[in-house]
Every structure is written in C-alpha cells, then in structure tokens.
Amino acid sequence: MFTGLSTFPLTPMNETEIDEPAFSGIISRLADAGVDSISALGSTGSYAYLTREERKRVAQL
C-alpha cells in the first residue's frame, strides 16, 4: 500500500523553548537524505506539550 521512507522527527527543546537550529538541522538532514515524507509535530514531536504559538513556529520552520 505505502512505499518509501517516512520520518517522524522529535522536536528538540532547550531549557525554555524550541531549539530552532537543532530542529532545522534535523529537517535539513532528512531532506538531504531523500526521505519520502517528514511528519513534524506528531506523537514523537512533543506536540501535546507545545503552545499553539510554538506549534505554529515549528510548522513555519
């Protein structure tokens, strides 16, 4: 039914907020590796613990 490599990256955090450089680096490495899909903000992405503003920022990154 489905083929290819789907990824579900974590959303790295520092002591107070999203670690934006780390998250952007993860996404860049996955894209460079040629994965077929990237599902940010899933159950492994700390979604439930982020504010609406933080979720929006992750989606923008």
PDB file of N, CA and C in Angstrom:
ATOM      1  N   MET A   1       0.828  -1.180   0.000  1.00  0.00           N
ATOM      2  CA  MET A   1       0.000   0.000   0.000  1.00  0.00           C
ATOM      3  C   MET A   1       0.880   1.253   0.000  1.00  0.00           C
ATOM      4  N   PHE A   2       1.716   1.419   1.011  1.00  0.00           N
ATOM      5  CA  PHE A   2       2.601   2.576   1.079  1.00  0.00           C
ATOM      6  C   PHE A   2       4.023   2.110   0.808  1.00  0.00           C
ATOM      7  N   THR A   3       4.792   2.972   0.183  1.00  0.00           N
ATOM      8  CA  THR A   3       6.201   2.678  -0.043  1.00  0.00           C
ATOM      9  C   THR A   3       7.022   3.899   0.316  1.00  0.00           C
ATOM     10  N   GLY A   4       8.296   3.694   0.506  1.00  0.00           N
ATOM     11  CA  GLY A   4       9.188   4.805   0.810  1.00  0.00           C
ATOM     12  C   GLY A   4       9.474   4.908   2.290  1.00  0.00           C
ATOM     13  N   LEU A   5      10.240   5.914   2.611  1.00  0.00           N
ATOM     14  CA  LEU A   5      10.675   6.137   3.989  1.00  0.00           C
ATOM     15  C   LEU A   5       9.965   7.352   4.565  1.00  0.00           C
ATOM     16  N   SER A   6       9.189   7.135   5.610  1.00  0.00           N
ATOM     17  CA  SER A   6       8.520   8.217   6.330  1.00  0.00           C
ATOM     18  C   SER A   6       9.247   8.449   7.636  1.00  0.00           C
ATOM     19  N   THR A   7       9.436   9.707   7.981  1.00  0.00           N
ATOM     20  CA  THR A   7      10.151  10.040   9.209  1.00  0.00           C
ATOM     21  C   THR A   7       9.256  10.833  10.154  1.00  0.00           C
ATOM     22  N   PHE A   8       9.529  10.679  11.425  1.00  0.00           N
ATOM     23  CA  PHE A   8       8.766  11.341  12.484  1.00  0.00           C
ATOM     24  C   PHE A   8       9.760  11.945  13.472  1.00  0.00           C
ATOM     25  N   PRO A   9      10.361  13.094  13.114  1.00  0.00           N
ATOM     26  CA  PRO A   9      11.422  13.656  13.948  1.00  0.00           C
ATOM     27  C   PRO A   9      10.903  14.212  15.277  1.00  0.00           C
ATOM     28  N   LEU A  10      11.764  14.149  16.256  1.00  0.00           N
ATOM     29  CA  LEU A  10      11.493  14.795  17.532  1.00  0.00           C
ATOM     30  C   LEU A  10      11.555  16.302  17.360  1.00  0.00           C
ATOM     31  N   THR A  11      10.951  17.020  18.282  1.00  0.00           N
ATOM     32  CA  THR A  11      11.070  18.470  18.318  1.00  0.00           C
ATOM     33  C   THR A  11      12.010  18.804  19.468  1.00  0.00           C
ATOM     34  N   PRO A  12      13.276  19.112  19.159  1.00  0.00           N
ATOM     35  CA  PRO A  12      14.232  19.362  20.232  1.00  0.00           C
ATOM     36  C   PRO A  12      13.898  20.636  21.007  1.00  0.00           C
ATOM     37  N   MET A  13      14.089  20.568  22.293  1.00  0.00           N
ATOM     38  CA  MET A  13      13.820  21.701  23.171  1.00  0.00           C
ATOM     39  C   MET A  13      15.079  22.008  23.973  1.00  0.00           C
ATOM     40  N   ASN A  14      15.266  23.286  24.319  1.00  0.00           N
ATOM     41  CA  ASN A  14      16.289  23.625  25.306  1.00  0.00           C
ATOM     42  C   ASN A  14      15.565  23.869  26.629  1.00  0.00           C
ATOM     43  N   GLU A  15      16.156  24.573  27.531  1.00  0.00           N
ATOM     44  CA  GLU A  15      15.541  24.745  28.853  1.00  0.00           C
ATOM     45  C   GLU A  15      14.236  25.528  28.822  1.00  0.00           C
ATOM     46  N   THR A  16      14.057  26.389  27.813  1.00  0.00           N
ATOM     47  CA  THR A  16      12.900  27.282  27.826  1.00  0.00           C
ATOM     48  C   THR A  16      12.057  27.296  26.558  1.00  0.00           C
ATOM     49  N   GLU A  17      12.578  26.757  25.456  1.00  0.00           N
ATOM     50  CA  GLU A  17      11.847  26.885  24.195  1.00  0.00           C
ATOM     51  C   GLU A  17      12.319  25.843  23.188  1.00  0.00           C
ATOM     52  N   ILE A  18      11.723  25.902  22.012  1.00  0.00           N
ATOM     53  CA  ILE A  18      12.126  25.022  20.920  1.00  0.00           C
ATOM     54  C   ILE A  18      13.554  25.369  20.517  1.00  0.00           C
ATOM     55  N   ASP A  19      14.375  24.360  20.326  1.00  0.00           N
ATOM     56  CA  ASP A  19      15.738  24.567  19.843  1.00  0.00           C
ATOM     57  C   ASP A  19      15.663  24.649  18.320  1.00  0.00           C
ATOM     58  N   GLU A  20      15.430  25.856  17.828  1.00  0.00           N
ATOM     59  CA  GLU A  20      15.183  26.048  16.399  1.00  0.00           C
ATOM     60  C   GLU A  20      16.339  25.603  15.514  1.00  0.00           C
ATOM     61  N   PRO A  21      17.598  25.947  15.848  1.00  0.00           N
ATOM     62  CA  PRO A  21      18.695  25.475  14.994  1.00  0.00           C
ATOM     63  C   PRO A  21      18.784  23.945  14.949  1.00  0.00           C
ATOM     64  N   ALA A  22      18.566  23.296  16.063  1.00  0.00           N
ATOM     65  CA  ALA A  22      18.617  21.828  16.090  1.00  0.00           C
ATOM     66  C   ALA A  22      17.484  21.236  15.247  1.00  0.00           C
ATOM     67  N   PHE A  23      16.281  21.786  15.375  1.00  0.00           N
ATOM     68  CA  PHE A  23      15.153  21.280  14.603  1.00  0.00           C
ATOM     69  C   PHE A  23      15.384  21.491  13.113  1.00  0.00           C
ATOM     70  N   SER A  24      15.818  22.676  12.739  1.00  0.00           N
ATOM     71  CA  SER A  24      16.087  22.956  11.325  1.00  0.00           C
ATOM     72  C   SER A  24      17.165  22.030  10.780  1.00  0.00           C
ATOM     73  N   GLY A  25      18.167  21.732  11.595  1.00  0.00           N
ATOM     74  CA  GLY A  25      19.215  20.810  11.178  1.00  0.00           C
ATOM     75  C   GLY A  25      18.694  19.406  10.940  1.00  0.00           C
ATOM     76  N   ILE A  26      17.822  18.951  11.819  1.00  0.00           N
ATOM     77  CA  ILE A  26      17.218  17.626  11.655  1.00  0.00           C
ATOM     78  C   ILE A  26      16.435  17.559  10.349  1.00  0.00           C
ATOM     79  N   ILE A  27      15.612  18.567  10.105  1.00  0.00           N
ATOM     80  CA  ILE A  27      14.782  18.585   8.900  1.00  0.00           C
ATOM     81  C   ILE A  27      15.662  18.652   7.649  1.00  0.00           C
ATOM     82  N   SER A  28      16.699  19.469   7.682  1.00  0.00           N
ATOM     83  CA  SER A  28      17.610  19.569   6.532  1.00  0.00           C
ATOM     84  C   SER A  28      18.288  18.242   6.235  1.00  0.00           C
ATOM     85  N   ARG A  29      18.754  17.565   7.278  1.00  0.00           N
ATOM     86  CA  ARG A  29      19.414  16.271   7.074  1.00  0.00           C
ATOM     87  C   ARG A  29      18.447  15.245   6.495  1.00  0.00           C
ATOM     88  N   LEU A  30      17.218  15.248   6.969  1.00  0.00           N
ATOM     89  CA  LEU A  30      16.234  14.311   6.429  1.00  0.00           C
ATOM     90  C   LEU A  30      15.933  14.611   4.960  1.00  0.00           C
ATOM     91  N   ALA A  31      15.772  15.891   4.633  1.00  0.00           N
ATOM     92  CA  ALA A  31      15.503  16.268   3.239  1.00  0.00           C
ATOM     93  C   ALA A  31      16.697  15.913   2.352  1.00  0.00           C
ATOM     94  N   ASP A  32      17.907  16.190   2.828  1.00  0.00           N
ATOM     95  CA  ASP A  32      19.109  15.864   2.059  1.00  0.00           C
ATOM     96  C   ASP A  32      19.248  14.360   1.844  1.00  0.00           C
ATOM     97  N   ALA A  33      18.761  13.580   2.787  1.00  0.00           N
ATOM     98  CA  ALA A  33      18.837  12.121   2.676  1.00  0.00           C
ATOM     99  C   ALA A  33      17.800  11.574   1.702  1.00  0.00           C
ATOM    100  N   GLY A  34      16.857  12.417   1.289  1.00  0.00           N
ATOM    101  CA  GLY A  34      15.874  11.996   0.301  1.00  0.00           C
ATOM    102  C   GLY A  34      14.716  11.189   0.850  1.00  0.00           C
ATOM    103  N   VAL A  35      14.376  11.406   2.127  1.00  0.00           N
ATOM    104  CA  VAL A  35      13.221  10.681   2.667  1.00  0.00           C
ATOM    105  C   VAL A  35      11.969  11.080   1.895  1.00  0.00           C
ATOM    106  N   ASP A  36      10.976  10.225   1.911  1.00  0.00           N
ATOM    107  CA  ASP A  36       9.760  10.460   1.147  1.00  0.00           C
ATOM    108  C   ASP A  36       8.740  11.331   1.862  1.00  0.00           C
ATOM    109  N   SER A  37       8.762  11.329   3.184  1.00  0.00           N
ATOM    110  CA  SER A  37       7.855  12.200   3.922  1.00  0.00           C
ATOM    111  C   SER A  37       8.434  12.516   5.291  1.00  0.00           C
ATOM    112  N   ILE A  38       8.118  13.721   5.760  1.00  0.00           N
ATOM    113  CA  ILE A  38       8.535  14.179   7.087  1.00  0.00           C
ATOM    114  C   ILE A  38       7.269  14.607   7.822  1.00  0.00           C
ATOM    115  N   SER A  39       6.988  13.949   8.928  1.00  0.00           N
ATOM    116  CA  SER A  39       5.794  14.262   9.718  1.00  0.00           C
ATOM    117  C   SER A  39       6.211  14.926  11.020  1.00  0.00           C
ATOM    118  N   ALA A  40       6.327  16.244  10.965  1.00  0.00           N
ATOM    119  CA  ALA A  40       6.677  17.009  12.167  1.00  0.00           C
ATOM    120  C   ALA A  40       5.435  17.162  13.037  1.00  0.00           C
ATOM    121  N   LEU A  41       5.641  17.368  14.312  1.00  0.00           N
ATOM    122  CA  LEU A  41       4.576  17.608  15.284  1.00  0.00           C
ATOM    123  C   LEU A  41       3.667  16.402  15.505  1.00  0.00           C
ATOM    124  N   GLY A  42       4.184  15.235  15.284  1.00  0.00           N
ATOM    125  CA  GLY A  42       3.421  14.031  15.578  1.00  0.00           C
ATOM    126  C   GLY A  42       3.586  13.637  17.032  1.00  0.00           C
ATOM    127  N   SER A  43       3.241  12.422  17.332  1.00  0.00           N
ATOM    128  CA  SER A  43       3.300  11.962  18.722  1.00  0.00           C
ATOM    129  C   SER A  43       4.717  11.915  19.257  1.00  0.00           C
ATOM    130  N   THR A  44       5.724  11.861  18.377  1.00  0.00           N
ATOM    131  CA  THR A  44       7.112  11.896  18.837  1.00  0.00           C
ATOM    132  C   THR A  44       7.663  13.311  18.826  1.00  0.00           C
ATOM    133  N   GLY A  45       6.857  14.274  18.444  1.00  0.00           N
ATOM    134  CA  GLY A  45       7.332  15.636  18.272  1.00  0.00           C
ATOM    135  C   GLY A  45       6.986  16.593  19.384  1.00  0.00           C
ATOM    136  N   SER A  46       6.589  16.131  20.524  1.00  0.00           N
ATOM    137  CA  SER A  46       6.243  16.967  21.679  1.00  0.00           C
ATOM    138  C   SER A  46       5.010  17.830  21.432  1.00  0.00           C
ATOM    139  N   TYR A  47       4.234  17.499  20.437  1.00  0.00           N
ATOM    140  CA  TYR A  47       3.065  18.287  20.059  1.00  0.00           C
ATOM    141  C   TYR A  47       2.167  18.615  21.247  1.00  0.00           C
ATOM    142  N   ALA A  48       1.877  17.632  22.048  1.00  0.00           N
ATOM    143  CA  ALA A  48       0.929  17.823  23.151  1.00  0.00           C
ATOM    144  C   ALA A  48       1.434  18.798  24.211  1.00  0.00           C
ATOM    145  N   TYR A  49       2.735  19.038  24.219  1.00  0.00           N
ATOM    146  CA  TYR A  49       3.327  19.891  25.247  1.00  0.00           C
ATOM    147  C   TYR A  49       3.633  21.301  24.768  1.00  0.00           C
ATOM    148  N   LEU A  50       3.382  21.562  23.490  1.00  0.00           N
ATOM    149  CA  LEU A  50       3.692  22.872  22.929  1.00  0.00           C
ATOM    150  C   LEU A  50       2.457  23.761  22.915  1.00  0.00           C
ATOM    151  N   THR A  51       2.697  25.063  23.039  1.00  0.00           N
ATOM    152  CA  THR A  51       1.598  26.020  22.924  1.00  0.00           C
ATOM    153  C   THR A  51       1.213  26.148  21.451  1.00  0.00           C
ATOM    154  N   ARG A  52       0.090  26.761  21.199  1.00  0.00           N
ATOM    155  CA  ARG A  52      -0.346  26.987  19.821  1.00  0.00           C
ATOM    156  C   ARG A  52       0.715  27.795  19.054  1.00  0.00           C
ATOM    157  N   GLU A  53       1.294  28.790  19.713  1.00  0.00           N
ATOM    158  CA  GLU A  53       2.326  29.617  19.070  1.00  0.00           C
ATOM    159  C   GLU A  53       3.574  28.780  18.741  1.00  0.00           C
ATOM    160  N   GLU A  54       3.958  27.907  19.663  1.00  0.00           N
ATOM    161  CA  GLU A  54       5.116  27.038  19.422  1.00  0.00           C
ATOM    162  C   GLU A  54       4.850  26.063  18.271  1.00  0.00           C
ATOM    163  N   ARG A  55       3.660  25.523  18.215  1.00  0.00           N
ATOM    164  CA  ARG A  55       3.296  24.612  17.120  1.00  0.00           C
ATOM    165  C   ARG A  55       3.363  25.361  15.784  1.00  0.00           C
ATOM    166  N   LYS A  56       2.866  26.578  15.765  1.00  0.00           N
ATOM    167  CA  LYS A  56       2.907  27.385  14.545  1.00  0.00           C
ATOM    168  C   LYS A  56       4.351  27.617  14.122  1.00  0.00           C
ATOM    169  N   ARG A  57       5.211  27.926  15.080  1.00  0.00           N
ATOM    170  CA  ARG A  57       6.614  28.181  14.756  1.00  0.00           C
ATOM    171  C   ARG A  57       7.297  26.938  14.199  1.00  0.00           C
ATOM    172  N   VAL A  58       7.035  25.787  14.784  1.00  0.00           N
ATOM    173  CA  VAL A  58       7.607  24.533  14.275  1.00  0.00           C
ATOM    174  C   VAL A  58       7.154  24.306  12.827  1.00  0.00           C
ATOM    175  N   ALA A  59       5.897  24.529  12.557  1.00  0.00           N
ATOM    176  CA  ALA A  59       5.390  24.354  11.194  1.00  0.00           C
ATOM    177  C   ALA A  59       6.056  25.328  10.230  1.00  0.00           C
ATOM    178  N   GLN A  60       6.317  26.546  10.680  1.00  0.00           N
ATOM    179  CA  GLN A  60       6.994  27.526   9.836  1.00  0.00           C
ATOM    180  C   GLN A  60       8.430  27.120   9.548  1.00  0.00           C
ATOM    181  N   LEU A  61       9.096  26.563  10.553  1.00  0.00           N
ATOM    182  CA  LEU A  61      10.497  26.163  10.366  1.00  0.00           C
ATOM    183  C   LEU A  61      10.588  25.071   9.319  1.00  0.00           C
TER     184      LEU A  61
END
